[in-house]
Amino acid sequence: MEQEKTGKIVITLEEYRVKRGISKNKIVLHANVQRTQLQNYLHNRVARVDLGVLARICQYLQCDIGDIMKYVEE
């Protein structure tokens, strides 16, 4: 039986951050995340997302989850 191809979730937080001119330091401070953790999110190196982290980032940026993540078909 042929396995269906699935897509993947891509974190677009870095694009959003740059477009809005928000510093990494401000996100770390106001969203209460560790710098290394933020770096992983910014560079799409997260295997398992932490919903609490995403909620705090969205709250600080005043954005929806769809503004910093998207589904891409493969």
N, C-alpha and C. Protein backbone atom coordinates (compact mmCIF):
# COMPACT_ATOMS: atom_id res chain seq x y z
N MET A 1 0.84 -1.17 0.00
CA MET A 1 0.00 0.00 0.00
C MET A 1 0.89 1.24 0.00
N GLU A 2 0.54 2.19 -0.85
CA GLU A 2 1.33 3.41 -0.97
C GLU A 2 1.01 4.38 0.16
N GLN A 3 2.06 4.91 0.75
CA GLN A 3 1.89 5.85 1.85
C GLN A 3 1.62 7.24 1.30
N GLU A 4 0.64 7.91 1.90
CA GLU A 4 0.31 9.26 1.48
C GLU A 4 1.42 10.22 1.88
N LYS A 5 1.67 11.17 1.00
CA LYS A 5 2.62 12.22 1.35
C LYS A 5 1.93 13.21 2.27
N THR A 6 2.66 13.65 3.24
CA THR A 6 2.12 14.65 4.15
C THR A 6 2.96 15.91 4.05
N GLY A 7 2.39 16.98 4.48
CA GLY A 7 3.11 18.24 4.48
C GLY A 7 3.85 18.42 5.79
N LYS A 8 4.27 19.65 6.00
CA LYS A 8 4.96 19.95 7.25
C LYS A 8 4.60 21.35 7.71
N ILE A 9 4.82 21.60 8.97
CA ILE A 9 4.60 22.91 9.55
C ILE A 9 5.92 23.67 9.50
N VAL A 10 5.88 24.88 8.98
CA VAL A 10 7.07 25.72 8.89
C VAL A 10 6.85 26.93 9.78
N ILE A 11 7.83 27.21 10.62
CA ILE A 11 7.76 28.37 11.50
C ILE A 11 8.33 29.57 10.76
N THR A 12 7.52 30.60 10.63
CA THR A 12 7.91 31.80 9.88
C THR A 12 8.11 32.99 10.81
N LEU A 13 8.43 32.71 12.05
CA LEU A 13 8.58 33.75 13.07
C LEU A 13 9.68 34.75 12.69
N GLU A 14 10.79 34.28 12.15
CA GLU A 14 11.89 35.19 11.79
C GLU A 14 11.45 36.20 10.74
N GLU A 15 10.75 35.75 9.72
CA GLU A 15 10.25 36.67 8.68
C GLU A 15 9.32 37.71 9.30
N TYR A 16 8.45 37.25 10.16
CA TYR A 16 7.49 38.15 10.82
C TYR A 16 8.22 39.16 11.69
N ARG A 17 9.21 38.68 12.45
CA ARG A 17 9.97 39.55 13.34
C ARG A 17 10.71 40.64 12.56
N VAL A 18 11.38 40.25 11.50
CA VAL A 18 12.14 41.20 10.68
C VAL A 18 11.21 42.21 10.03
N LYS A 19 10.11 41.73 9.48
CA LYS A 19 9.15 42.61 8.81
C LYS A 19 8.61 43.67 9.76
N ARG A 20 8.41 43.31 11.01
CA ARG A 20 7.87 44.25 12.00
C ARG A 20 8.95 45.01 12.75
N GLY A 21 10.22 44.68 12.51
CA GLY A 21 11.32 45.39 13.15
C GLY A 21 11.41 45.17 14.65
N ILE A 22 11.14 43.96 15.09
CA ILE A 22 11.16 43.64 16.52
C ILE A 22 12.47 42.91 16.85
N SER A 23 13.14 43.37 17.89
CA SER A 23 14.42 42.75 18.25
C SER A 23 14.20 41.42 18.97
N LYS A 24 15.19 40.56 18.83
CA LYS A 24 15.15 39.27 19.53
C LYS A 24 15.13 39.49 21.03
N ASN A 25 15.90 40.48 21.48
CA ASN A 25 15.97 40.75 22.93
C ASN A 25 14.60 41.10 23.50
N LYS A 26 13.82 41.87 22.76
CA LYS A 26 12.49 42.25 23.25
C LYS A 26 11.58 41.03 23.35
N ILE A 27 11.67 40.14 22.38
CA ILE A 27 10.85 38.92 22.43
C ILE A 27 11.25 38.07 23.63
N VAL A 28 12.57 37.90 23.82
CA VAL A 28 13.06 37.12 24.96
C VAL A 28 12.54 37.70 26.27
N LEU A 29 12.64 39.00 26.41
CA LEU A 29 12.24 39.67 27.64
C LEU A 29 10.72 39.62 27.87
N HIS A 30 9.96 40.03 26.87
CA HIS A 30 8.52 40.18 27.05
C HIS A 30 7.73 38.88 26.91
N ALA A 31 8.25 37.92 26.16
CA ALA A 31 7.54 36.65 26.00
C ALA A 31 8.07 35.59 26.98
N ASN A 32 9.07 35.97 27.77
CA ASN A 32 9.61 35.09 28.79
C ASN A 32 10.06 33.74 28.21
N VAL A 33 10.92 33.82 27.18
CA VAL A 33 11.50 32.62 26.58
C VAL A 33 13.02 32.72 26.66
N GLN A 34 13.68 31.58 26.67
CA GLN A 34 15.13 31.57 26.67
C GLN A 34 15.65 31.93 25.28
N ARG A 35 16.81 32.57 25.25
CA ARG A 35 17.38 32.99 23.97
C ARG A 35 17.60 31.80 23.03
N THR A 36 18.15 30.70 23.54
CA THR A 36 18.38 29.54 22.68
C THR A 36 17.08 28.95 22.17
N GLN A 37 16.06 28.99 23.01
CA GLN A 37 14.75 28.50 22.59
C GLN A 37 14.19 29.38 21.48
N LEU A 38 14.30 30.69 21.64
CA LEU A 38 13.83 31.60 20.60
C LEU A 38 14.60 31.38 19.31
N GLN A 39 15.92 31.21 19.41
CA GLN A 39 16.74 30.97 18.21
C GLN A 39 16.23 29.75 17.45
N ASN A 40 15.89 28.70 18.17
CA ASN A 40 15.37 27.50 17.51
C ASN A 40 14.06 27.78 16.79
N TYR A 41 13.19 28.56 17.39
CA TYR A 41 11.93 28.92 16.74
C TYR A 41 12.18 29.82 15.54
N LEU A 42 13.09 30.77 15.68
CA LEU A 42 13.38 31.70 14.58
C LEU A 42 13.96 30.99 13.37
N HIS A 43 14.72 29.93 13.60
CA HIS A 43 15.38 29.23 12.50
C HIS A 43 14.74 27.89 12.17
N ASN A 44 13.48 27.72 12.61
CA ASN A 44 12.68 26.55 12.26
C ASN A 44 13.39 25.24 12.64
N ARG A 45 14.00 25.21 13.82
CA ARG A 45 14.70 24.02 14.29
C ARG A 45 13.98 23.39 15.48
N VAL A 46 12.69 23.43 15.47
CA VAL A 46 11.90 22.90 16.58
C VAL A 46 11.20 21.63 16.11
N ALA A 47 11.47 20.52 16.80
CA ALA A 47 10.81 19.26 16.45
C ALA A 47 9.45 19.16 17.12
N ARG A 48 9.38 19.63 18.35
CA ARG A 48 8.12 19.60 19.12
C ARG A 48 7.87 20.98 19.69
N VAL A 49 6.83 21.59 19.22
CA VAL A 49 6.55 22.96 19.67
C VAL A 49 5.97 22.95 21.07
N ASP A 50 6.26 23.99 21.80
CA ASP A 50 5.71 24.21 23.13
C ASP A 50 4.58 25.22 22.97
N LEU A 51 3.35 24.79 23.19
CA LEU A 51 2.21 25.67 22.99
C LEU A 51 2.24 26.88 23.91
N GLY A 52 2.79 26.72 25.10
CA GLY A 52 2.92 27.84 26.01
C GLY A 52 3.86 28.90 25.47
N VAL A 53 4.97 28.47 24.89
CA VAL A 53 5.92 29.40 24.28
C VAL A 53 5.26 30.13 23.12
N LEU A 54 4.57 29.39 22.26
CA LEU A 54 3.90 30.02 21.12
C LEU A 54 2.84 31.01 21.58
N ALA A 55 2.11 30.66 22.63
CA ALA A 55 1.07 31.56 23.15
C ALA A 55 1.69 32.85 23.67
N ARG A 56 2.80 32.75 24.39
CA ARG A 56 3.45 33.95 24.91
C ARG A 56 4.02 34.82 23.80
N ILE A 57 4.60 34.18 22.78
CA ILE A 57 5.13 34.93 21.65
C ILE A 57 4.00 35.64 20.92
N CYS A 58 2.91 34.94 20.66
CA CYS A 58 1.76 35.55 19.98
C CYS A 58 1.17 36.69 20.81
N GLN A 59 1.11 36.49 22.11
CA GLN A 59 0.57 37.54 22.98
C GLN A 59 1.43 38.80 22.90
N TYR A 60 2.75 38.62 22.98
CA TYR A 60 3.64 39.79 22.91
C TYR A 60 3.57 40.46 21.54
N LEU A 61 3.58 39.67 20.48
CA LEU A 61 3.57 40.23 19.12
C LEU A 61 2.18 40.69 18.69
N GLN A 62 1.17 40.33 19.48
CA GLN A 62 -0.22 40.63 19.15
C GLN A 62 -0.55 40.11 17.75
N CYS A 63 -0.29 38.81 17.57
CA CYS A 63 -0.53 38.18 16.27
C CYS A 63 -1.27 36.87 16.46
N ASP A 64 -1.73 36.31 15.36
CA ASP A 64 -2.35 34.99 15.37
C ASP A 64 -1.28 33.95 15.06
N ILE A 65 -1.54 32.72 15.43
CA ILE A 65 -0.58 31.65 15.20
C ILE A 65 -0.26 31.51 13.70
N GLY A 66 -1.25 31.78 12.85
CA GLY A 66 -1.04 31.70 11.40
C GLY A 66 -0.10 32.76 10.87
N ASP A 67 0.18 33.78 11.67
CA ASP A 67 1.13 34.81 11.26
C ASP A 67 2.58 34.34 11.42
N ILE A 68 2.81 33.35 12.28
CA ILE A 68 4.18 32.92 12.54
C ILE A 68 4.42 31.44 12.21
N MET A 69 3.39 30.75 11.72
CA MET A 69 3.52 29.35 11.30
C MET A 69 2.64 29.12 10.08
N LYS A 70 3.04 28.15 9.25
CA LYS A 70 2.20 27.80 8.11
C LYS A 70 2.39 26.33 7.76
N TYR A 71 1.39 25.79 7.08
CA TYR A 71 1.44 24.41 6.61
C TYR A 71 1.90 24.42 5.16
N VAL A 72 2.88 23.58 4.84
CA VAL A 72 3.41 23.49 3.48
C VAL A 72 3.28 22.06 3.00
N GLU A 73 2.64 21.87 1.86
CA GLU A 73 2.52 20.52 1.30
C GLU A 73 3.84 20.12 0.65
N GLU A 74 4.14 18.83 0.75
CA GLU A 74 5.38 18.33 0.14
C GLU A 74 5.08 17.52 -1.08
